Structure formats: structure tokens, C-alpha cells
Amino acid sequence: MYCRVGCGACCIAPTISSPIPGMPDGKPAGVRCVQLDEDNCCRLFGDPKRPTVCRTFDYDHTVCGDSREEALTILEDLERHTETPS
């Protein structure tokens, strides 16, 4: 299976610590990436400016589930369980 077009869960739920064009400090968990368009598609897809972490993320049923809503839930849960204590 491939990424669901219009999902965007991986561009919202997790922390991305790498610089992103328009977000030089990356993005915190739960914040929509500025490169995610109104159809939940990455504006940088195929662009070399797309962060490596984003380019290497790939669909995996254990992370993406069966729907966008399930992907958001799974990714939010993973984010909570992998946060480093302050």
C-alpha cells in the first residue's frame, strides 16, 4: 500500500525537529506543517528542499492504520510515548 492521498497525518501529529521551508525551527507535535496544502498534500513532495525525515517516512500499516483518523490517533500516541521529559 502507498500513502493515502489527502491524509497528511504525518505532517500534523509528530514533532519534526528538522528545518522546513517556512518553519526554520521545525514544528511541534500537533501543529500543521506550513507546507501542507488545503488538500492535505505536501507542497514540497519531490522537491530537494523537503526535509530528509519527511522524504524517508513511508506508509506502514502499523503507523498509518486504515484511515486518516486512525493514522492521527496512532501517530499522536507514538509521539506521546516517545517524548523526552523536560
C-alpha atoms as a PDB file:
ATOM      1  CA  MET A   1       0.000   0.000   0.000  1.00  0.00           C
ATOM      2  CA  TYR A   2       1.026   3.603  -0.526  1.00  0.00           C
ATOM      3  CA  CYS A   3       0.356   6.849   1.330  1.00  0.00           C
ATOM      4  CA  ARG A   4      -3.281   7.879   1.306  1.00  0.00           C
ATOM      5  CA  VAL A   5      -3.635  10.986  -0.816  1.00  0.00           C
ATOM      6  CA  GLY A   6      -5.029  13.776   1.332  1.00  0.00           C
ATOM      7  CA  CYS A   7      -4.128  12.173   4.677  1.00  0.00           C
ATOM      8  CA  GLY A   8      -1.363  14.450   5.968  1.00  0.00           C
ATOM      9  CA  ALA A   9      -1.321  12.836   9.428  1.00  0.00           C
ATOM     10  CA  CYS A  10       2.479  12.562   9.361  1.00  0.00           C
ATOM     11  CA  CYS A  11       2.609  16.319   8.633  1.00  0.00           C
ATOM     12  CA  ILE A  12       0.500  17.170  11.676  1.00  0.00           C
ATOM     13  CA  ALA A  13       0.875  14.701  14.557  1.00  0.00           C
ATOM     14  CA  PRO A  14       4.638  14.251  15.053  1.00  0.00           C
ATOM     15  CA  THR A  15       7.338  16.679  16.070  1.00  0.00           C
ATOM     16  CA  ILE A  16       9.669  17.461  13.176  1.00  0.00           C
ATOM     17  CA  SER A  17      12.919  18.864  14.526  1.00  0.00           C
ATOM     18  CA  SER A  18      14.488  19.488  11.113  1.00  0.00           C
ATOM     19  CA  PRO A  19      14.114  22.896   9.471  1.00  0.00           C
ATOM     20  CA  ILE A  20      11.251  23.070   6.996  1.00  0.00           C
ATOM     21  CA  PRO A  21      10.925  25.897   4.460  1.00  0.00           C
ATOM     22  CA  GLY A  22       8.683  28.373   6.268  1.00  0.00           C
ATOM     23  CA  MET A  23       9.366  26.698   9.641  1.00  0.00           C
ATOM     24  CA  PRO A  24      13.111  27.136  10.270  1.00  0.00           C
ATOM     25  CA  ASP A  25      12.891  25.578  13.746  1.00  0.00           C
ATOM     26  CA  GLY A  26      10.857  22.590  12.591  1.00  0.00           C
ATOM     27  CA  LYS A  27       7.376  22.024  14.002  1.00  0.00           C
ATOM     28  CA  PRO A  28       5.954  20.839  17.298  1.00  0.00           C
ATOM     29  CA  ALA A  29       3.636  17.870  17.617  1.00  0.00           C
ATOM     30  CA  GLY A  30       0.044  18.580  16.690  1.00  0.00           C
ATOM     31  CA  VAL A  31       0.904  21.629  14.585  1.00  0.00           C
ATOM     32  CA  ARG A  32       0.057  21.538  10.911  1.00  0.00           C
ATOM     33  CA  CYS A  33       3.145  21.914   8.700  1.00  0.00           C
ATOM     34  CA  VAL A  34       3.036  25.132   6.656  1.00  0.00           C
ATOM     35  CA  GLN A  35       3.876  23.065   3.575  1.00  0.00           C
ATOM     36  CA  LEU A  36       0.675  21.018   3.896  1.00  0.00           C
ATOM     37  CA  ASP A  37      -1.857  22.389   1.419  1.00  0.00           C
ATOM     38  CA  GLU A  38      -5.636  22.632   1.812  1.00  0.00           C
ATOM     39  CA  ASP A  39      -5.980  19.097   0.374  1.00  0.00           C
ATOM     40  CA  ASN A  40      -3.507  17.721   2.967  1.00  0.00           C
ATOM     41  CA  CYS A  41      -0.810  17.185   0.345  1.00  0.00           C
ATOM     42  CA  CYS A  42       2.817  18.248   0.793  1.00  0.00           C
ATOM     43  CA  ARG A  43       3.779  21.235  -1.327  1.00  0.00           C
ATOM     44  CA  LEU A  44       7.413  20.043  -1.179  1.00  0.00           C
ATOM     45  CA  PHE A  45       6.799  16.477  -2.368  1.00  0.00           C
ATOM     46  CA  GLY A  46       9.598  15.666  -4.837  1.00  0.00           C
ATOM     47  CA  ASP A  47      11.427  18.909  -4.005  1.00  0.00           C
ATOM     48  CA  PRO A  48      15.008  18.593  -2.687  1.00  0.00           C
ATOM     49  CA  LYS A  49      14.138  21.205  -0.019  1.00  0.00           C
ATOM     50  CA  ARG A  50      11.808  18.661   1.600  1.00  0.00           C
ATOM     51  CA  PRO A  51      13.409  17.566   4.903  1.00  0.00           C
ATOM     52  CA  THR A  52      15.119  14.168   4.895  1.00  0.00           C
ATOM     53  CA  VAL A  53      12.888  12.925   7.720  1.00  0.00           C
ATOM     54  CA  CYS A  54       9.855  13.653   5.541  1.00  0.00           C
ATOM     55  CA  ARG A  55      11.373  12.097   2.407  1.00  0.00           C
ATOM     56  CA  THR A  56      12.214   8.877   4.234  1.00  0.00           C
ATOM     57  CA  PHE A  57       8.879   8.458   6.025  1.00  0.00           C
ATOM     58  CA  ASP A  58       6.867   5.824   4.209  1.00  0.00           C
ATOM     59  CA  TYR A  59       3.468   4.232   4.593  1.00  0.00           C
ATOM     60  CA  ASP A  60       3.359   1.436   7.132  1.00  0.00           C
ATOM     61  CA  HIS A  61       0.037  -0.015   8.196  1.00  0.00           C
ATOM     62  CA  THR A  62       1.143  -0.221  11.838  1.00  0.00           C
ATOM     63  CA  VAL A  63       1.640   3.563  11.828  1.00  0.00           C
ATOM     64  CA  CYS A  64      -0.933   4.677   9.267  1.00  0.00           C
ATOM     65  CA  GLY A  65      -3.793   2.325  10.115  1.00  0.00           C
ATOM     66  CA  ASP A  66      -6.854   2.082   7.901  1.00  0.00           C
ATOM     67  CA  SER A  67      -7.853   5.754   7.745  1.00  0.00           C
ATOM     68  CA  ARG A  68      -6.587   9.305   8.221  1.00  0.00           C
ATOM     69  CA  GLU A  69      -8.276   9.449  11.626  1.00  0.00           C
ATOM     70  CA  GLU A  70      -6.623   6.213  12.709  1.00  0.00           C
ATOM     71  CA  ALA A  71      -3.233   7.467  11.476  1.00  0.00           C
ATOM     72  CA  LEU A  72      -3.618  10.665  13.516  1.00  0.00           C
ATOM     73  CA  THR A  73      -4.514   8.649  16.616  1.00  0.00           C
ATOM     74  CA  ILE A  74      -1.596   6.230  16.193  1.00  0.00           C
ATOM     75  CA  LEU A  75       0.933   8.980  15.460  1.00  0.00           C
ATOM     76  CA  GLU A  76      -0.281  11.124  18.363  1.00  0.00           C
ATOM     77  CA  ASP A  77       0.032   8.105  20.673  1.00  0.00           C
ATOM     78  CA  LEU A  78       3.542   7.338  19.402  1.00  0.00           C
ATOM     79  CA  GLU A  79       4.513  10.983  19.875  1.00  0.00           C
ATOM     80  CA  ARG A  80       3.285  10.959  23.489  1.00  0.00           C
ATOM     81  CA  HIS A  81       5.200   7.769  24.224  1.00  0.00           C
ATOM     82  CA  THR A  82       8.456   8.982  22.680  1.00  0.00           C
ATOM     83  CA  GLU A  83       8.593  12.496  24.151  1.00  0.00           C
ATOM     84  CA  THR A  84      11.682  13.243  26.154  1.00  0.00           C
ATOM     85  CA  PRO A  85      10.887  14.562  29.634  1.00  0.00           C
ATOM     86  CA  SER A  86      11.632  18.240  30.199  1.00  0.00           C
END
